[in-house]
Amino acid sequence: MLDGKRILLIIGGGIAAFKSLDLIRRLRERGASVTPVLTRAGEEFVTPLSASALASEKVYRDLFDLTDEAEMGHIELSRAADLVVVAPATADLMAKMAGGHANDLASTLLMATDKRVLIAPAMNVRMWEHPATQRNLATLLGDGILCVGPDEGDMACGEHGPGRMSEPLAIVEAVEQALATGPLQGKHVIVTSGPTHEPIDPVRYIANRSSGTQGTAIARALAALGADVTFVTGPASVAPPQGVRVVPVQTASEMEAAVKAALPADAAVFAAAVADWRVADASARKIKKEGKGLPTLQFAENPDILAGVAGLKKDRPALVVGFAAETDDVVANATAKRERKGCDWVVANDVRPETGIMGGTENTVTLVTAEGAENWPRLGKDKVAERLATRIAEALD
């Protein structure tokens, strides 16, 4: 619940702005107070009267309204909230945020705030996929901005694809995650998840069988305990959790770079199924079958991200947790891995096909620490995540 929490809601211009009215209602149902800020473009879709009526608060619109400056200056307005939410976050607003512009009330508030910011992007699919928007998104995520969505589906313009603003309840969930309090409040945790895709050529790749379900559940459980989570994910088949900082990657090298960029951290959980090898000379063109025999692929080892972080002398997290997906001698192999990698814990599981764990909804794990091996019962992956998150909170206390 959000009892007593104060949300500053910036409503950008776009057809998705109509959802912001329902978002106000949903937030207030959970006990939050909402102060709406309308951009000029936002006023084309949502009236100040409707936003004010639903929020039971004054709507702020103009940077240079002297009455408002006397009553509540834009600096105070930007810092009085517990969280700043931008919904919809248009391509223009995202560009302003990434570039540090401050030429209207919304962009000035975003520059002046000392609180966390959550954006819910909404735009045409071509605008979302445009390199400039993706560069801006990467900049914002790197700056610590939280992001929820966008979703994929039909759009008002008649096109289909990613760009729809997330539904109000999904944004509420992200707000709750961002404002979660608990034993991990103030702690930064890095979580890696999903597989990596190592290209052979532009259409083929090497990968591991990982859906990203367990890593996603761990990130969600850590955030629920109040952690500030950086979620570095390969191309998983499950959606990333809400209310965490999501850094999408494709290859092991990209994942290593993203993890290093996210340091320092209090803890790091390496749940990703990173490919051990990559093709050293990946082709820039599709390899054709031309009757000349099988192609020869030269392999190279991928970076050992877990061992690299565990062996750091500077910025090593206080707790480094690895995962071991094994098909035989699970505990023995996991124990050897913990010693070899230099990590503090290893979460081991048996991923033989008959277990149904790889890509499934349940997991049976053994937690291997310096004190020995602790067998956990078969549980849903969400329950495994909650149990691990609790143990991490106890270790960092």
Protein backbone atom coordinates (compact mmCIF):
# COMPACT_ATOMS: atom_id res chain seq x y z
CA MET A 1 0.00 0.00 0.00
CA LEU A 2 0.98 3.63 -0.46
CA ASP A 3 -0.49 5.20 2.68
CA GLY A 4 0.93 8.68 3.19
CA LYS A 5 3.13 8.60 0.08
CA ARG A 6 3.24 11.71 -2.07
CA ILE A 7 3.42 11.31 -5.85
CA LEU A 8 4.25 14.13 -8.25
CA LEU A 9 2.62 13.03 -11.52
CA ILE A 10 3.84 14.70 -14.72
CA ILE A 11 1.38 14.11 -17.56
CA GLY A 12 2.93 14.39 -21.01
CA GLY A 13 1.16 14.91 -24.31
CA GLY A 14 -0.18 11.90 -26.14
CA ILE A 15 -3.35 9.87 -26.49
CA ALA A 16 -2.18 7.68 -23.59
CA ALA A 17 -2.64 10.68 -21.29
CA PHE A 18 -6.22 9.57 -20.72
CA LYS A 19 -4.84 6.64 -18.71
CA SER A 20 -3.23 9.09 -16.31
CA LEU A 21 -6.66 9.93 -14.92
CA ASP A 22 -7.25 6.30 -13.99
CA LEU A 23 -3.70 6.18 -12.62
CA ILE A 24 -4.52 9.06 -10.27
CA ARG A 25 -7.59 7.18 -9.04
CA ARG A 26 -5.67 3.94 -8.53
CA LEU A 27 -2.89 5.66 -6.60
CA ARG A 28 -5.36 7.45 -4.34
CA GLU A 29 -7.24 4.18 -3.70
CA ARG A 30 -4.00 2.88 -2.16
CA GLY A 31 -3.59 5.88 0.12
CA ALA A 32 -1.23 8.05 -1.92
CA SER A 33 -1.67 11.75 -2.53
CA VAL A 34 -1.11 12.88 -6.11
CA THR A 35 -0.03 16.32 -7.31
CA PRO A 36 -0.59 16.57 -11.08
CA VAL A 37 1.63 18.59 -13.42
CA LEU A 38 0.35 19.07 -16.96
CA THR A 39 2.59 19.89 -19.90
CA ARG A 40 1.21 22.14 -22.61
CA ALA A 41 0.87 19.13 -24.89
CA GLY A 42 -0.74 17.15 -22.07
CA GLU A 43 -3.49 19.78 -21.82
CA GLU A 44 -4.53 18.86 -25.36
CA PHE A 45 -5.62 15.44 -24.07
CA VAL A 46 -6.44 15.95 -20.36
CA THR A 47 -8.09 19.00 -18.87
CA PRO A 48 -6.72 20.58 -15.68
CA LEU A 49 -10.22 20.34 -14.20
CA SER A 50 -10.46 16.56 -14.63
CA ALA A 51 -6.97 15.96 -13.22
CA SER A 52 -7.63 18.28 -10.29
CA ALA A 53 -11.02 16.73 -9.54
CA LEU A 54 -9.60 13.21 -9.39
CA ALA A 55 -6.52 14.20 -7.42
CA SER A 56 -8.32 16.67 -5.11
CA GLU A 57 -5.20 18.77 -5.58
CA LYS A 58 -4.27 21.87 -7.53
CA VAL A 59 -2.86 21.17 -11.00
CA TYR A 60 0.43 22.89 -11.82
CA ARG A 61 1.05 24.00 -15.40
CA ASP A 62 3.21 27.10 -15.80
CA LEU A 63 6.81 27.63 -14.73
CA PHE A 64 6.38 31.38 -14.62
CA ASP A 65 3.16 31.61 -12.61
CA LEU A 66 4.25 34.06 -9.90
CA THR A 67 1.37 33.09 -7.61
CA ASP A 68 2.50 29.49 -7.68
CA GLU A 69 6.10 30.57 -7.12
CA ALA A 70 5.01 32.44 -4.01
CA GLU A 71 2.91 29.53 -2.71
CA MET A 72 5.21 26.65 -3.68
CA GLY A 73 8.34 27.26 -5.77
CA HIS A 74 9.28 24.74 -8.39
CA ILE A 75 12.25 23.61 -6.30
CA GLU A 76 10.02 22.81 -3.34
CA LEU A 77 7.41 21.21 -5.58
CA SER A 78 10.04 18.92 -7.09
CA ARG A 79 11.27 17.77 -3.70
CA ALA A 80 8.10 17.56 -1.63
CA ALA A 81 7.12 14.27 -3.28
CA ASP A 82 8.36 10.81 -2.40
CA LEU A 83 8.45 9.84 -6.08
CA VAL A 84 8.16 11.64 -9.42
CA VAL A 85 6.17 9.72 -12.05
CA VAL A 86 6.08 10.71 -15.72
CA ALA A 87 3.09 9.10 -17.46
CA PRO A 88 2.95 9.26 -20.35
CA ALA A 89 6.63 9.90 -20.99
CA THR A 90 6.69 11.01 -24.60
CA ALA A 91 9.71 10.86 -26.89
CA ASP A 92 10.05 14.64 -26.47
CA LEU A 93 9.98 14.47 -22.67
CA MET A 94 12.51 11.64 -22.65
CA ALA A 95 14.78 13.66 -24.95
CA LYS A 96 14.53 16.67 -22.64
CA MET A 97 15.34 14.53 -19.61
CA ALA A 98 18.31 12.86 -21.30
CA GLY A 99 19.64 16.20 -22.56
CA GLY A 100 19.14 18.05 -19.28
CA HIS A 101 16.75 20.63 -20.72
CA ALA A 102 14.67 22.79 -18.38
CA ASN A 103 12.52 25.07 -20.53
CA ASP A 104 9.09 24.38 -19.00
CA LEU A 105 7.66 23.40 -15.64
CA ALA A 106 7.81 19.61 -16.20
CA SER A 107 11.42 19.52 -17.40
CA THR A 108 12.51 21.98 -14.71
CA LEU A 109 10.93 19.85 -11.98
CA LEU A 110 12.70 16.78 -13.35
CA MET A 111 16.04 18.61 -13.28
CA ALA A 112 15.49 20.03 -9.80
CA THR A 113 14.20 16.95 -8.00
CA ASP A 114 16.30 14.98 -5.55
CA LYS A 115 13.79 12.09 -5.55
CA ARG A 116 13.63 8.95 -7.67
CA VAL A 117 11.91 9.27 -11.04
CA LEU A 118 9.78 6.61 -12.75
CA ILE A 119 8.83 6.99 -16.42
CA ALA A 120 6.09 5.19 -18.36
CA PRO A 121 6.99 5.69 -22.03
CA ALA A 122 4.23 6.01 -24.63
CA MET A 123 4.70 6.79 -28.32
CA ASN A 124 4.38 5.47 -31.85
CA VAL A 125 6.32 2.24 -32.43
CA ARG A 126 8.67 3.92 -34.95
CA MET A 127 9.44 6.69 -32.49
CA TRP A 128 10.11 4.12 -29.75
CA GLU A 129 12.44 2.11 -31.98
CA HIS A 130 14.24 5.18 -33.35
CA PRO A 131 17.95 5.16 -32.44
CA ALA A 132 17.64 8.58 -30.78
CA THR A 133 14.91 7.35 -28.41
CA GLN A 134 16.88 4.22 -27.59
CA ARG A 135 20.00 6.33 -26.89
CA ASN A 136 17.95 8.59 -24.65
CA LEU A 137 16.48 5.58 -22.84
CA ALA A 138 19.97 4.15 -22.25
CA THR A 139 21.10 7.51 -20.86
CA LEU A 140 18.11 7.73 -18.53
CA LEU A 141 18.55 4.18 -17.26
CA GLY A 142 22.22 4.89 -16.69
CA ASP A 143 21.23 7.97 -14.69
CA GLY A 144 19.13 5.79 -12.41
CA ILE A 145 15.72 6.63 -13.88
CA LEU A 146 13.22 3.80 -13.38
CA CYS A 147 11.11 2.66 -16.31
CA VAL A 148 7.88 0.68 -16.65
CA GLY A 149 6.89 -0.54 -20.11
CA PRO A 150 6.13 0.22 -22.80
CA ASP A 151 3.76 -2.59 -23.73
CA GLU A 152 3.25 -4.09 -27.17
CA GLY A 153 -0.07 -3.94 -28.98
CA ASP A 154 -2.35 -1.96 -31.27
CA MET A 155 -1.96 1.80 -31.18
CA ALA A 156 -4.28 4.71 -31.82
CA CYS A 157 -2.32 5.49 -35.00
CA GLY A 158 -3.23 2.07 -36.40
CA GLU A 159 0.22 0.51 -36.08
CA HIS A 160 1.17 -2.45 -33.90
CA GLY A 161 4.25 -2.97 -31.76
CA PRO A 162 6.00 -1.72 -28.63
CA GLY A 163 5.08 1.79 -27.56
CA ARG A 164 1.79 1.51 -25.66
CA MET A 165 1.90 3.01 -22.19
CA SER A 166 1.66 0.38 -19.47
CA GLU A 167 -1.74 -0.03 -17.87
CA PRO A 168 -2.38 1.99 -14.69
CA LEU A 169 -2.23 -1.06 -12.39
CA ALA A 170 1.19 -2.01 -13.80
CA ILE A 171 2.40 1.52 -13.14
CA VAL A 172 0.98 1.34 -9.61
CA GLU A 173 2.94 -1.87 -9.06
CA ALA A 174 6.10 -0.12 -10.25
CA VAL A 175 5.38 2.79 -7.89
CA GLU A 176 4.94 0.38 -4.98
CA GLN A 177 8.24 -1.32 -5.83
CA ALA A 178 10.03 2.02 -6.12
CA LEU A 179 8.73 3.13 -2.73
CA ALA A 180 9.11 -0.19 -0.96
CA THR A 181 10.57 -0.03 2.52
CA GLY A 182 12.17 -2.90 4.31
CA PRO A 183 15.44 -4.36 5.56
CA LEU A 184 17.19 -3.63 2.26
CA GLN A 185 16.23 0.05 2.20
CA GLY A 186 19.25 2.04 1.07
CA LYS A 187 21.04 -1.04 -0.30
CA HIS A 188 22.03 -1.36 -3.95
CA VAL A 189 21.87 -4.86 -5.43
CA ILE A 190 22.85 -5.93 -8.94
CA VAL A 191 20.97 -8.91 -10.41
CA THR A 192 21.85 -10.56 -13.72
CA SER A 193 19.26 -12.69 -15.46
CA GLY A 194 18.29 -14.50 -18.63
CA PRO A 195 20.51 -16.01 -21.31
CA THR A 196 23.10 -14.31 -23.46
CA HIS A 197 23.02 -14.53 -27.25
CA GLU A 198 26.43 -14.87 -28.87
CA PRO A 199 26.19 -14.21 -32.63
CA ILE A 200 27.41 -16.66 -35.24
CA ASP A 201 26.17 -14.42 -38.02
CA PRO A 202 23.37 -11.81 -38.20
CA VAL A 203 20.64 -14.48 -37.94
CA ARG A 204 22.16 -17.24 -35.79
CA TYR A 205 23.50 -17.30 -32.26
CA ILE A 206 24.67 -19.50 -29.39
CA ALA A 207 22.58 -19.37 -26.23
CA ASN A 208 21.68 -21.21 -23.03
CA ARG A 209 18.20 -22.48 -22.16
CA SER A 210 17.05 -19.81 -19.73
CA SER A 211 13.72 -18.01 -19.55
CA GLY A 212 14.93 -15.47 -16.98
CA THR A 213 12.06 -16.41 -14.64
CA GLN A 214 14.20 -17.01 -11.56
CA GLY A 215 16.36 -13.93 -11.99
CA THR A 216 13.29 -11.76 -12.56
CA ALA A 217 11.67 -13.16 -9.41
CA ILE A 218 14.83 -12.45 -7.40
CA ALA A 219 14.97 -8.84 -8.58
CA ARG A 220 11.30 -8.38 -7.71
CA ALA A 221 11.75 -9.90 -4.24
CA LEU A 222 14.78 -7.72 -3.48
CA ALA A 223 12.92 -4.60 -4.58
CA ALA A 224 9.98 -5.59 -2.36
CA LEU A 225 12.38 -5.50 0.61
CA GLY A 226 13.38 -1.96 -0.30
CA ALA A 227 16.54 -2.58 -2.33
CA ASP A 228 17.59 -0.33 -5.17
CA VAL A 229 17.96 -3.00 -7.86
CA THR A 230 19.94 -2.79 -11.09
CA PHE A 231 18.61 -5.59 -13.28
CA VAL A 232 20.99 -6.57 -16.08
CA THR A 233 19.10 -8.93 -18.35
CA GLY A 234 19.83 -10.84 -21.50
CA PRO A 235 17.04 -11.53 -24.04
CA ALA A 236 14.74 -13.37 -21.63
CA SER A 237 11.28 -14.67 -22.50
CA VAL A 238 9.68 -13.13 -19.40
CA ALA A 239 9.07 -9.43 -18.88
CA PRO A 240 11.43 -7.63 -16.50
CA PRO A 241 10.10 -6.67 -13.06
CA GLN A 242 8.63 -3.26 -12.36
CA GLY A 243 10.25 -0.64 -10.15
CA VAL A 244 13.86 -1.66 -10.85
CA ARG A 245 16.55 -0.20 -13.07
CA VAL A 246 16.55 -2.42 -16.19
CA VAL A 247 19.67 -2.69 -18.36
CA PRO A 248 19.03 -4.89 -21.43
CA VAL A 249 22.01 -6.65 -23.03
CA GLN A 250 22.57 -9.33 -25.64
CA THR A 251 26.07 -10.77 -25.21
CA ALA A 252 28.29 -11.78 -22.31
CA SER A 253 30.65 -8.90 -23.06
CA GLU A 254 27.77 -6.44 -22.92
CA MET A 255 26.60 -7.99 -19.64
CA GLU A 256 30.08 -7.68 -18.13
CA ALA A 257 30.27 -4.01 -19.15
CA ALA A 258 26.81 -3.30 -17.71
CA VAL A 259 27.68 -4.96 -14.39
CA LYS A 260 30.92 -2.99 -14.09
CA ALA A 261 29.06 0.23 -14.89
CA ALA A 262 26.52 -0.53 -12.13
CA LEU A 263 29.15 -0.88 -9.41
CA PRO A 264 29.55 -0.12 -6.56
CA ALA A 265 26.86 -2.28 -4.99
CA ASP A 266 26.17 -3.85 -1.63
CA ALA A 267 25.38 -7.23 -3.18
CA ALA A 268 25.40 -8.87 -6.59
CA VAL A 269 23.36 -11.90 -7.61
CA PHE A 270 24.50 -13.59 -10.82
CA ALA A 271 21.48 -15.60 -11.91
CA ALA A 272 22.07 -15.20 -15.66
CA ALA A 273 22.86 -18.22 -17.79
CA VAL A 274 25.86 -16.71 -19.53
CA ALA A 275 27.18 -18.56 -22.58
CA ASP A 276 30.68 -19.88 -21.81
CA TRP A 277 31.89 -19.39 -25.36
CA ARG A 278 31.38 -17.05 -28.28
CA VAL A 279 32.32 -17.30 -31.94
CA ALA A 280 35.61 -15.45 -32.26
CA ASP A 281 35.07 -14.47 -35.87
CA ALA A 282 31.32 -14.01 -36.15
CA SER A 283 30.32 -13.36 -39.73
CA ALA A 284 28.91 -9.97 -40.69
CA ARG A 285 26.82 -11.75 -43.34
CA LYS A 286 24.54 -14.77 -43.18
CA ILE A 287 26.53 -17.96 -43.67
CA LYS A 288 25.13 -19.76 -46.72
CA LYS A 289 24.88 -23.48 -47.47
CA GLU A 290 26.77 -23.65 -50.75
CA GLY A 291 27.70 -27.33 -50.95
CA LYS A 292 31.24 -26.65 -49.76
CA GLY A 293 30.96 -28.59 -46.52
CA LEU A 294 30.33 -27.45 -42.98
CA PRO A 295 31.53 -24.03 -41.90
CA THR A 296 34.43 -23.88 -39.47
CA LEU A 297 33.72 -21.87 -36.33
CA GLN A 298 36.54 -20.66 -34.10
CA PHE A 299 35.46 -20.27 -30.48
CA ALA A 300 36.74 -17.98 -27.74
CA GLU A 301 35.95 -17.95 -24.02
CA ASN A 302 33.55 -15.36 -22.75
CA PRO A 303 34.49 -13.22 -19.76
CA ASP A 304 33.88 -14.80 -16.35
CA ILE A 305 31.65 -12.10 -14.91
CA LEU A 306 31.10 -13.80 -11.53
CA ALA A 307 34.79 -14.46 -10.88
CA GLY A 308 35.72 -10.99 -12.10
CA VAL A 309 33.41 -9.22 -9.63
CA ALA A 310 34.20 -11.63 -6.78
CA GLY A 311 37.91 -10.97 -7.26
CA LEU A 312 37.73 -7.18 -7.23
CA LYS A 313 39.92 -5.41 -4.68
CA LYS A 314 37.96 -2.18 -5.06
CA ASP A 315 34.16 -1.96 -5.32
CA ARG A 316 33.67 -5.66 -4.55
CA PRO A 317 30.13 -6.10 -3.22
CA ALA A 318 29.94 -7.28 0.39
CA LEU A 319 27.97 -10.31 -0.83
CA VAL A 320 28.53 -12.00 -4.18
CA VAL A 321 26.09 -14.78 -5.09
CA GLY A 322 26.59 -17.11 -8.03
CA PHE A 323 24.32 -19.73 -9.59
CA ALA A 324 25.29 -23.23 -10.66
CA ALA A 325 23.05 -25.06 -13.11
CA GLU A 326 24.23 -28.68 -12.93
CA THR A 327 23.16 -32.02 -14.38
CA ASP A 328 25.17 -34.26 -12.02
CA ASP A 329 27.01 -34.07 -8.67
CA VAL A 330 25.14 -30.85 -7.97
CA VAL A 331 26.47 -30.07 -4.48
CA ALA A 332 30.03 -31.16 -5.22
CA ASN A 333 30.20 -29.10 -8.41
CA ALA A 334 28.60 -26.08 -6.75
CA THR A 335 30.99 -26.26 -3.80
CA ALA A 336 33.95 -26.42 -6.18
CA LYS A 337 32.52 -23.51 -8.16
CA ARG A 338 32.20 -21.33 -5.06
CA GLU A 339 35.84 -21.90 -4.19
CA ARG A 340 37.05 -21.50 -7.77
CA LYS A 341 35.12 -18.30 -8.44
CA GLY A 342 35.79 -16.71 -5.07
CA CYS A 343 32.13 -15.85 -4.46
CA ASP A 344 30.39 -15.98 -1.09
CA TRP A 345 27.38 -18.13 -1.96
CA VAL A 346 26.35 -20.39 -4.79
CA VAL A 347 22.72 -21.26 -5.48
CA ALA A 348 22.82 -24.68 -7.13
CA ASN A 349 20.07 -26.51 -8.96
CA ASP A 350 19.64 -29.69 -10.94
CA VAL A 351 18.65 -28.76 -14.49
CA ARG A 352 18.34 -32.20 -16.03
CA PRO A 353 15.42 -32.11 -18.52
CA GLU A 354 13.31 -34.44 -16.39
CA THR A 355 13.31 -31.94 -13.49
CA GLY A 356 11.40 -29.34 -15.54
CA ILE A 357 13.33 -26.58 -13.77
CA MET A 358 14.98 -24.90 -16.77
CA GLY A 359 12.19 -22.72 -18.15
CA GLY A 360 9.67 -24.01 -15.60
CA THR A 361 7.83 -22.31 -12.74
CA GLU A 362 9.42 -24.25 -9.84
CA ASN A 363 12.94 -24.75 -8.57
CA THR A 364 14.79 -27.02 -6.17
CA VAL A 365 17.95 -25.36 -4.95
CA THR A 366 20.83 -25.96 -2.61
CA LEU A 367 22.43 -22.90 -1.04
CA VAL A 368 26.17 -23.47 -0.75
CA THR A 369 28.06 -21.18 1.64
CA ALA A 370 31.30 -21.32 3.62
CA GLU A 371 29.31 -23.12 6.34
CA GLY A 372 28.19 -25.93 4.04
CA ALA A 373 25.24 -26.92 1.85
CA GLU A 374 21.63 -26.17 2.73
CA ASN A 375 18.95 -28.05 0.79
CA TRP A 376 15.72 -26.17 0.11
CA PRO A 377 12.45 -27.94 -0.75
CA ARG A 378 10.96 -27.68 -4.22
CA LEU A 379 9.23 -24.31 -4.35
CA GLY A 380 7.76 -21.93 -6.87
CA LYS A 381 10.43 -19.64 -8.25
CA ASP A 382 8.79 -16.64 -6.57
CA LYS A 383 9.08 -18.40 -3.20
CA VAL A 384 12.72 -19.32 -3.86
CA ALA A 385 13.35 -15.66 -4.68
CA GLU A 386 11.65 -14.43 -1.51
CA ARG A 387 13.65 -16.87 0.60
CA LEU A 388 16.93 -15.85 -1.03
CA ALA A 389 16.12 -12.14 -0.72
CA THR A 390 15.44 -12.59 2.99
CA ARG A 391 18.77 -14.36 3.44
CA ILE A 392 20.55 -11.58 1.58
CA ALA A 393 18.89 -8.97 3.81
CA GLU A 394 20.05 -10.89 6.91
CA ALA A 395 23.60 -11.13 5.56
CA LEU A 396 23.77 -7.38 4.81
CA ASP A 397 22.24 -6.34 8.14
